[in-house]
C-alpha atoms as a PDB file:
ATOM      1  CA  MET A   1    -136.846  29.068-132.398  1.00  0.00           C
ATOM      2  CA  GLY A   2    -137.728  32.697-132.602  1.00  0.00           C
ATOM      3  CA  CYS A   3    -137.463  33.034-128.897  1.00  0.00           C
ATOM      4  CA  CYS A   4    -133.921  31.321-128.927  1.00  0.00           C
ATOM      5  CA  ASP A   5    -132.860  33.334-131.772  1.00  0.00           C
ATOM      6  CA  GLY A   6    -133.822  36.638-130.027  1.00  0.00           C
ATOM      7  CA  PHE A   7    -132.033  35.426-126.840  1.00  0.00           C
ATOM      8  CA  ALA A   8    -128.824  34.756-128.968  1.00  0.00           C
ATOM      9  CA  ARG A   9    -128.966  38.028-130.402  1.00  0.00           C
ATOM     10  CA  CYS A  10    -129.411  39.669-127.049  1.00  0.00           C
ATOM     11  CA  VAL A  11    -126.493  37.669-125.577  1.00  0.00           C
ATOM     12  CA  LEU A  12    -124.190  38.774-128.571  1.00  0.00           C
ATOM     13  CA  VAL A  13    -125.240  42.460-128.161  1.00  0.00           C
ATOM     14  CA  THR A  14    -124.779  42.348-124.313  1.00  0.00           C
ATOM     15  CA  PHE A  15    -121.421  40.859-124.908  1.00  0.00           C
ATOM     16  CA  ASN A  16    -120.415  43.550-127.150  1.00  0.00           C
ATOM     17  CA  ILE A  17    -121.316  46.141-124.458  1.00  0.00           C
ATOM     18  CA  LEU A  18    -118.906  44.209-122.241  1.00  0.00           C
ATOM     19  CA  PHE A  19    -116.542  43.940-125.049  1.00  0.00           C
ATOM     20  CA  VAL A  20    -116.286  47.695-125.475  1.00  0.00           C
ATOM     21  CA  LEU A  21    -115.820  48.016-121.723  1.00  0.00           C
ATOM     22  CA  THR A  22    -112.888  45.793-121.825  1.00  0.00           C
ATOM     23  CA  GLY A  23    -111.574  47.914-124.586  1.00  0.00           C
ATOM     24  CA  VAL A  24    -111.909  50.954-122.490  1.00  0.00           C
ATOM     25  CA  PHE A  25    -110.058  49.232-119.646  1.00  0.00           C
ATOM     26  CA  VAL A  26    -107.163  47.995-121.879  1.00  0.00           C
ATOM     27  CA  LEU A  27    -106.865  51.371-123.356  1.00  0.00           C
ATOM     28  CA  GLY A  28    -106.876  52.952-120.026  1.00  0.00           C
ATOM     29  CA  VAL A  29    -104.115  50.629-118.714  1.00  0.00           C
ATOM     30  CA  GLY A  30    -101.939  51.495-121.799  1.00  0.00           C
ATOM     31  CA  ILE A  31    -102.442  55.282-121.344  1.00  0.00           C
ATOM     32  CA  PHE A  32    -101.710  55.085-117.540  1.00  0.00           C
ATOM     33  CA  LEU A  33     -98.508  53.243-118.241  1.00  0.00           C
ATOM     34  CA  LYS A  34     -97.252  56.121-120.736  1.00  0.00           C
ATOM     35  CA  VAL A  35     -98.556  59.240-118.814  1.00  0.00           C
ATOM     36  CA  ASN A  36     -97.957  58.366-115.138  1.00  0.00           C
ATOM     37  CA  PRO A  37     -94.861  60.396-114.404  1.00  0.00           C
ATOM     38  CA  ASN A  38     -93.547  58.059-111.771  1.00  0.00           C
ATOM     39  CA  LEU A  39     -93.653  55.157-114.304  1.00  0.00           C
ATOM     40  CA  LEU A  40     -92.112  57.261-117.052  1.00  0.00           C
ATOM     41  CA  ASN A  41     -89.074  58.008-114.767  1.00  0.00           C
ATOM     42  CA  ILE A  42     -88.557  54.357-114.189  1.00  0.00           C
ATOM     43  CA  GLN A  43     -88.902  53.721-117.992  1.00  0.00           C
ATOM     44  CA  HIS A  44     -86.391  56.473-118.562  1.00  0.00           C
ATOM     45  CA  VAL A  45     -83.853  55.087-116.141  1.00  0.00           C
ATOM     46  CA  ILE A  46     -84.060  51.551-117.426  1.00  0.00           C
ATOM     47  CA  GLU A  47     -84.675  51.871-121.215  1.00  0.00           C
ATOM     48  CA  LEU A  48     -81.835  54.653-121.802  1.00  0.00           C
ATOM     49  CA  ASN A  49     -79.225  52.284-120.491  1.00  0.00           C
ATOM     50  CA  SER A  50     -80.381  48.892-121.181  1.00  0.00           C
ATOM     51  CA  GLY A  51     -82.217  49.480-124.607  1.00  0.00           C
ATOM     52  CA  ASP A  52     -85.067  47.127-123.168  1.00  0.00           C
ATOM     53  CA  LYS A  53     -88.337  48.691-124.254  1.00  0.00           C
ATOM     54  CA  TYR A  54     -90.597  46.029-122.896  1.00  0.00           C
ATOM     55  CA  ILE A  55     -92.857  48.257-120.869  1.00  0.00           C
ATOM     56  CA  SER A  56     -93.397  50.821-123.415  1.00  0.00           C
ATOM     57  CA  THR A  57     -93.821  48.270-126.219  1.00  0.00           C
ATOM     58  CA  ALA A  58     -96.453  46.484-124.380  1.00  0.00           C
ATOM     59  CA  ALA A  59     -98.149  49.777-123.312  1.00  0.00           C
ATOM     60  CA  TYR A  60     -98.320  50.963-127.051  1.00  0.00           C
ATOM     61  CA  ILE A  61     -99.864  47.493-128.061  1.00  0.00           C
ATOM     62  CA  LEU A  62    -102.436  48.021-125.399  1.00  0.00           C
ATOM     63  CA  ILE A  63    -103.229  51.510-126.374  1.00  0.00           C
ATOM     64  CA  GLY A  64    -103.504  50.459-130.097  1.00  0.00           C
ATOM     65  CA  PHE A  65    -105.768  47.535-129.454  1.00  0.00           C
ATOM     66  CA  GLY A  66    -107.730  49.355-126.896  1.00  0.00           C
ATOM     67  CA  ILE A  67    -108.937  51.883-129.654  1.00  0.00           C
ATOM     68  CA  PHE A  68    -109.392  48.929-132.019  1.00  0.00           C
ATOM     69  CA  VAL A  69    -111.663  47.128-129.680  1.00  0.00           C
ATOM     70  CA  LEU A  70    -113.974  50.260-129.596  1.00  0.00           C
ATOM     71  CA  LEU A  71    -114.387  49.900-133.436  1.00  0.00           C
ATOM     72  CA  VAL A  72    -114.744  46.199-133.281  1.00  0.00           C
ATOM     73  CA  GLY A  73    -117.585  46.650-130.867  1.00  0.00           C
ATOM     74  CA  LEU A  74    -119.547  48.593-133.604  1.00  0.00           C
ATOM     75  CA  PHE A  75    -119.224  45.546-136.017  1.00  0.00           C
ATOM     76  CA  GLY A  76    -120.456  43.342-133.255  1.00  0.00           C
ATOM     77  CA  PHE A  77    -123.517  45.494-132.602  1.00  0.00           C
ATOM     78  CA  ILE A  78    -124.368  45.529-136.315  1.00  0.00           C
ATOM     79  CA  GLY A  79    -123.677  41.908-136.886  1.00  0.00           C
ATOM     80  CA  GLY A  80    -125.568  40.771-133.755  1.00  0.00           C
ATOM     81  CA  CYS A  81    -128.753  43.136-134.316  1.00  0.00           C
ATOM     82  CA  LYS A  82    -129.047  42.581-138.060  1.00  0.00           C
ATOM     83  CA  GLN A  83    -127.519  39.230-138.530  1.00  0.00           C
ATOM     84  CA  ILE A  84    -125.554  40.761-141.428  1.00  0.00           C
ATOM     85  CA  LYS A  85    -122.726  38.124-142.478  1.00  0.00           C
ATOM     86  CA  PHE A  86    -120.467  40.744-143.642  1.00  0.00           C
ATOM     87  CA  PHE A  87    -120.158  42.425-140.349  1.00  0.00           C
ATOM     88  CA  LEU A  88    -120.207  39.123-138.603  1.00  0.00           C
ATOM     89  CA  ALA A  89    -117.088  37.891-140.569  1.00  0.00           C
ATOM     90  CA  LEU A  90    -115.426  41.322-140.058  1.00  0.00           C
ATOM     91  CA  TYR A  91    -116.127  41.001-136.312  1.00  0.00           C
ATOM     92  CA  MET A  92    -114.698  37.550-136.103  1.00  0.00           C
ATOM     93  CA  GLY A  93    -111.546  38.508-137.904  1.00  0.00           C
ATOM     94  CA  CYS A  94    -111.030  41.567-135.805  1.00  0.00           C
ATOM     95  CA  VAL A  95    -111.739  39.627-132.477  1.00  0.00           C
ATOM     96  CA  VAL A  96    -108.911  37.340-133.624  1.00  0.00           C
ATOM     97  CA  LEU A  97    -106.627  40.053-134.146  1.00  0.00           C
ATOM     98  CA  VAL A  98    -107.481  41.624-130.872  1.00  0.00           C
ATOM     99  CA  PHE A  99    -106.876  38.324-129.047  1.00  0.00           C
ATOM    100  CA  LEU A 100    -103.388  37.796-130.574  1.00  0.00           C
ATOM    101  CA  GLY A 101    -102.323  41.515-130.011  1.00  0.00           C
ATOM    102  CA  GLU A 102    -103.420  41.668-126.425  1.00  0.00           C
ATOM    103  CA  PHE A 103    -102.210  38.143-125.696  1.00  0.00           C
ATOM    104  CA  SER A 104     -98.657  39.264-127.310  1.00  0.00           C
ATOM    105  CA  ALA A 105     -98.572  42.339-125.036  1.00  0.00           C
ATOM    106  CA  GLY A 106     -99.164  40.070-122.041  1.00  0.00           C
ATOM    107  CA  ILE A 107     -96.283  37.704-123.216  1.00  0.00           C
ATOM    108  CA  ILE A 108     -93.904  40.534-123.760  1.00  0.00           C
ATOM    109  CA  ALA A 109     -94.647  41.739-120.218  1.00  0.00           C
ATOM    110  CA  ALA A 110     -94.213  38.212-118.762  1.00  0.00           C
ATOM    111  CA  VAL A 111     -90.840  37.900-120.512  1.00  0.00           C
ATOM    112  CA  TYR A 112     -89.633  41.168-119.133  1.00  0.00           C
ATOM    113  CA  LYS A 113     -90.919  40.212-115.658  1.00  0.00           C
ATOM    114  CA  GLY A 114     -88.472  37.163-115.841  1.00  0.00           C
ATOM    115  CA  LYS A 115     -85.582  39.429-116.709  1.00  0.00           C
ATOM    116  CA  VAL A 116     -85.966  42.025-113.770  1.00  0.00           C
ATOM    117  CA  ASP A 117     -84.114  39.965-111.196  1.00  0.00           C
ATOM    118  CA  ASP A 118     -81.184  39.239-113.544  1.00  0.00           C
ATOM    119  CA  THR A 119     -80.831  42.695-115.092  1.00  0.00           C
ATOM    120  CA  LEU A 120     -82.304  45.431-112.955  1.00  0.00           C
ATOM    121  CA  GLN A 121     -79.336  45.890-110.474  1.00  0.00           C
ATOM    122  CA  THR A 122     -76.696  46.174-113.288  1.00  0.00           C
ATOM    123  CA  VAL A 123     -78.927  48.635-115.281  1.00  0.00           C
ATOM    124  CA  LEU A 124     -79.499  50.831-112.275  1.00  0.00           C
ATOM    125  CA  ARG A 125     -75.830  50.963-111.438  1.00  0.00           C
ATOM    126  CA  GLU A 126     -74.920  51.817-114.940  1.00  0.00           C
ATOM    127  CA  SER A 127     -77.644  54.465-115.195  1.00  0.00           C
ATOM    128  CA  LEU A 128     -76.683  56.086-111.854  1.00  0.00           C
ATOM    129  CA  SER A 129     -73.170  56.255-113.061  1.00  0.00           C
ATOM    130  CA  GLU A 130     -74.399  58.718-115.742  1.00  0.00           C
ATOM    131  CA  TYR A 131     -76.140  60.912-113.242  1.00  0.00           C
ATOM    132  CA  ASP A 132     -74.660  64.400-113.401  1.00  0.00           C
ATOM    133  CA  SER A 133     -76.427  67.476-112.093  1.00  0.00           C
ATOM    134  CA  LYS A 134     -73.952  69.801-113.757  1.00  0.00           C
ATOM    135  CA  ASN A 135     -74.395  68.418-117.171  1.00  0.00           C
ATOM    136  CA  LYS A 136     -77.469  68.984-119.312  1.00  0.00           C
ATOM    137  CA  THR A 137     -76.729  65.938-121.578  1.00  0.00           C
ATOM    138  CA  SER A 138     -77.613  63.799-118.845  1.00  0.00           C
ATOM    139  CA  GLU A 139     -81.020  65.549-118.239  1.00  0.00           C
ATOM    140  CA  LEU A 140     -83.410  62.301-118.792  1.00  0.00           C
ATOM    141  CA  VAL A 141     -81.136  60.322-116.622  1.00  0.00           C
ATOM    142  CA  ASN A 142     -81.159  63.006-113.899  1.00  0.00           C
ATOM    143  CA  LYS A 143     -84.835  63.589-114.114  1.00  0.00           C
ATOM    144  CA  GLY A 144     -85.714  59.948-114.058  1.00  0.00           C
ATOM    145  CA  TRP A 145     -83.552  59.292-110.828  1.00  0.00           C
ATOM    146  CA  ASP A 146     -84.697  62.636-109.227  1.00  0.00           C
ATOM    147  CA  GLY A 147     -88.364  61.458-109.899  1.00  0.00           C
ATOM    148  CA  ILE A 148     -87.713  57.998-108.557  1.00  0.00           C
ATOM    149  CA  GLN A 149     -86.013  59.029-105.529  1.00  0.00           C
ATOM    150  CA  SER A 150     -88.514  61.556-104.428  1.00  0.00           C
ATOM    151  CA  TRP A 151     -91.465  59.284-105.259  1.00  0.00           C
ATOM    152  CA  LEU A 152     -90.031  56.143-103.291  1.00  0.00           C
ATOM    153  CA  LYS A 153     -88.089  58.144-100.662  1.00  0.00           C
ATOM    154  CA  CYS A 154     -84.863  56.254-101.497  1.00  0.00           C
ATOM    155  CA  CYS A 155     -81.397  57.389-102.483  1.00  0.00           C
ATOM    156  CA  GLY A 156     -78.976  55.663-104.879  1.00  0.00           C
ATOM    157  CA  GLU A 157     -79.085  51.954-106.108  1.00  0.00           C
ATOM    158  CA  ARG A 158     -77.877  50.486-102.819  1.00  0.00           C
ATOM    159  CA  ASN A 159     -77.974  53.400-100.589  1.00  0.00           C
ATOM    160  CA  PHE A 160     -76.953  57.271-100.425  1.00  0.00           C
ATOM    161  CA  THR A 161     -73.417  56.464-100.266  1.00  0.00           C
ATOM    162  CA  ASP A 162     -73.382  55.436-103.888  1.00  0.00           C
ATOM    163  CA  TYR A 163     -72.876  59.108-104.820  1.00  0.00           C
ATOM    164  CA  THR A 164     -69.737  59.430-103.127  1.00  0.00           C
ATOM    165  CA  VAL A 165     -68.400  55.902-103.789  1.00  0.00           C
ATOM    166  CA  MET A 166     -69.239  56.287-107.443  1.00  0.00           C
ATOM    167  CA  LYS A 167     -67.849  60.020-107.480  1.00  0.00           C
ATOM    168  CA  ILE A 168     -70.904  61.180-109.205  1.00  0.00           C
ATOM    169  CA  PRO A 169     -70.635  65.110-109.768  1.00  0.00           C
ATOM    170  CA  LEU A 170     -73.240  67.002-108.126  1.00  0.00           C
ATOM    171  CA  ALA A 171     -74.072  70.633-108.177  1.00  0.00           C
ATOM    172  CA  ASP A 172     -72.892  73.001-105.355  1.00  0.00           C
ATOM    173  CA  ASP A 173     -70.613  70.199-104.067  1.00  0.00           C
ATOM    174  CA  LYS A 174     -73.425  68.296-102.382  1.00  0.00           C
ATOM    175  CA  LEU A 175     -72.964  64.816-101.172  1.00  0.00           C
ATOM    176  CA  VAL A 176     -76.477  63.661-102.492  1.00  0.00           C
ATOM    177  CA  PRO A 177     -79.027  65.228-104.784  1.00  0.00           C
ATOM    178  CA  ASP A 178     -81.886  67.289-103.252  1.00  0.00           C
ATOM    179  CA  SER A 179     -84.292  64.419-104.309  1.00  0.00           C
ATOM    180  CA  CYS A 180     -82.558  62.288-101.641  1.00  0.00           C
ATOM    181  CA  CYS A 181     -83.870  64.726 -99.006  1.00  0.00           C
ATOM    182  CA  GLY A 182     -86.859  65.517 -97.062  1.00  0.00           C
ATOM    183  CA  SER A 183     -88.105  69.155 -96.399  1.00  0.00           C
ATOM    184  CA  ASN A 184     -84.850  70.355 -94.838  1.00  0.00           C
ATOM    185  CA  LYS A 185     -82.135  70.078 -97.558  1.00  0.00           C
ATOM    186  CA  GLN A 186     -79.337  71.574 -95.445  1.00  0.00           C
ATOM    187  CA  GLU A 187     -79.770  69.206 -92.558  1.00  0.00           C
ATOM    188  CA  CYS A 188     -80.142  66.369 -95.165  1.00  0.00           C
ATOM    189  CA  GLN A 189     -76.467  67.097 -96.432  1.00  0.00           C
ATOM    190  CA  LYS A 190     -75.152  67.275 -92.864  1.00  0.00           C
ATOM    191  CA  GLU A 191     -76.774  63.849 -92.208  1.00  0.00           C
ATOM    192  CA  ALA A 192     -75.028  62.588 -95.375  1.00  0.00           C
ATOM    193  CA  LYS A 193     -71.696  63.850 -94.272  1.00  0.00           C
ATOM    194  CA  ALA A 194     -72.023  62.525 -90.961  1.00  0.00           C
ATOM    195  CA  LYS A 195     -73.504  59.084 -91.887  1.00  0.00           C
ATOM    196  CA  VAL A 196     -74.829  58.813 -88.300  1.00  0.00           C
ATOM    197  CA  LYS A 197     -78.214  57.251 -87.897  1.00  0.00           C
ATOM    198  CA  PRO A 198     -81.120  57.974 -87.338  1.00  0.00           C
ATOM    199  CA  PHE A 199     -81.529  59.980 -90.442  1.00  0.00           C
ATOM    200  CA  LYS A 200     -84.632  62.526 -90.129  1.00  0.00           C
ATOM    201  CA  ASN A 201     -84.139  64.253 -93.408  1.00  0.00           C
ATOM    202  CA  LEU A 202     -81.921  61.904 -95.506  1.00  0.00           C
ATOM    203  CA  TYR A 203     -83.543  59.014 -97.439  1.00  0.00           C
ATOM    204  CA  ASP A 204     -80.830  56.287 -96.655  1.00  0.00           C
ATOM    205  CA  GLN A 205     -82.411  53.349 -98.250  1.00  0.00           C
ATOM    206  CA  GLY A 206     -81.447  52.280-101.685  1.00  0.00           C
ATOM    207  CA  CYS A 207     -83.903  52.165-104.526  1.00  0.00           C
ATOM    208  CA  TYR A 208     -83.298  48.857-105.873  1.00  0.00           C
ATOM    209  CA  ASP A 209     -85.702  46.710-103.802  1.00  0.00           C
ATOM    210  CA  GLN A 210     -88.477  49.345-104.164  1.00  0.00           C
ATOM    211  CA  MET A 211     -88.121  49.822-107.884  1.00  0.00           C
ATOM    212  CA  GLU A 212     -88.064  46.065-108.335  1.00  0.00           C
ATOM    213  CA  ASN A 213     -91.466  45.803-106.494  1.00  0.00           C
ATOM    214  CA  GLN A 214     -93.009  48.548-108.518  1.00  0.00           C
ATOM    215  CA  ILE A 215     -91.879  47.130-111.870  1.00  0.00           C
ATOM    216  CA  LYS A 216     -93.176  43.806-110.927  1.00  0.00           C
ATOM    217  CA  SER A 217     -96.479  44.996-109.785  1.00  0.00           C
ATOM    218  CA  HIS A 218     -97.183  46.825-112.886  1.00  0.00           C
ATOM    219  CA  ILE A 219     -95.974  44.316-115.079  1.00  0.00           C
ATOM    220  CA  THR A 220     -98.583  42.070-113.403  1.00  0.00           C
ATOM    221  CA  LEU A 221    -101.013  44.645-114.332  1.00  0.00           C
ATOM    222  CA  LEU A 222     -99.903  44.332-117.914  1.00  0.00           C
ATOM    223  CA  ILE A 223    -100.099  40.793-117.932  1.00  0.00           C
ATOM    224  CA  GLY A 224    -103.608  40.839-116.463  1.00  0.00           C
ATOM    225  CA  ALA A 225    -104.889  43.307-118.763  1.00  0.00           C
ATOM    226  CA  GLY A 226    -103.395  41.501-121.896  1.00  0.00           C
ATOM    227  CA  VAL A 227    -103.838  37.850-121.247  1.00  0.00           C
ATOM    228  CA  GLY A 228    -107.096  37.969-119.022  1.00  0.00           C
ATOM    229  CA  VAL A 229    -108.837  40.417-121.413  1.00  0.00           C
ATOM    230  CA  ALA A 230    -107.792  38.243-124.504  1.00  0.00           C
ATOM    231  CA  MET A 231    -109.203  35.064-123.046  1.00  0.00           C
ATOM    232  CA  PHE A 232    -112.385  36.792-122.262  1.00  0.00           C
ATOM    233  CA  GLN A 233    -112.670  37.818-125.855  1.00  0.00           C
ATOM    234  CA  LEU A 234    -112.734  34.273-126.954  1.00  0.00           C
ATOM    235  CA  LEU A 235    -116.378  34.199-125.887  1.00  0.00           C
ATOM    236  CA  GLY A 236    -117.115  36.736-128.271  1.00  0.00           C
ATOM    237  CA  LEU A 237    -115.508  34.715-131.123  1.00  0.00           C
ATOM    238  CA  PHE A 238    -117.735  31.760-130.056  1.00  0.00           C
ATOM    239  CA  LEU A 239    -120.927  34.003-130.009  1.00  0.00           C
ATOM    240  CA  ALA A 240    -120.137  35.423-133.534  1.00  0.00           C
ATOM    241  CA  CYS A 241    -119.602  31.873-134.957  1.00  0.00           C
ATOM    242  CA  ALA A 242    -122.974  30.815-133.467  1.00  0.00           C
ATOM    243  CA  ALA A 243    -124.567  33.977-135.111  1.00  0.00           C
ATOM    244  CA  TRP A 244    -122.916  33.106-138.490  1.00  0.00           C
ATOM    245  CA  LYS A 245    -124.339  29.576-138.345  1.00  0.00           C
ATOM    246  CA  LYS A 246    -127.775  30.970-137.553  1.00  0.00           C
ATOM    247  CA  SER A 247    -127.384  33.276-140.594  1.00  0.00           C
ATOM    248  CA  ASP A 248    -126.417  30.303-142.828  1.00  0.00           C
ATOM    249  CA  ASP A 249    -129.428  28.386-141.546  1.00  0.00           C
ATOM    250  CA  ASP A 250    -131.738  31.311-142.340  1.00  0.00           C
ATOM    251  CA  ASP A 251    -130.222  31.381-145.858  1.00  0.00           C
ATOM    252  CA  LEU A 252    -130.875  27.753-146.414  1.00  0.00           C
ATOM    253  CA  ARG A 253    -134.581  28.063-145.306  1.00  0.00           C
ATOM    254  CA  VAL A 254    -134.844  30.849-147.983  1.00  0.00           C
END
């Protein structure tokens, strides 16, 4: 029995090392979603017009529970090594909260993924209509679109003609923003005016398809981090319950 007890403790302690590592992973995913400038531009473009804050909400949940997991790991170490019932109970309760929180973040991300196809095109069109390089009140929209177009090498929602068709005001009477251009900005404006392919300096493809792919791929990362890690943590709950039962058995023998 002593050998089995020692093995069970070792398994619980080892699990908590992995548990803490999952917390670091979840925390890292949440921080990445909030600090990556390209993803922030996407969030600005979408959230300012639609009011949907699914990505931001899910990211904050992951950050919060990533930090929480690091603290929970401490309770697991103490409870597993010392077989102290108070810390085991605290650990089990915290694991349940972590499971529910991370699972919720994954569900939120999954719900938003289902809405992307239905709403993204409309949201992008409405957002682009507010682009105005002459007006500083549109600074967040401008920054978001400029960042996306430079990053994905695209222009407009459908294509570069959106800026003229929608009569979007641009500085210096340009036909497209500089973010729609490669290194040669002057030639880019000439190409936008001529509308003759091939375009060497002008990004002639629209941003919708590429943004849709980027959003879905990062939402998949959110779902994987939230739901996948949450399911893994159920093992920790099972091990803690086993340690609690062992502690009860010891009390009865005493």
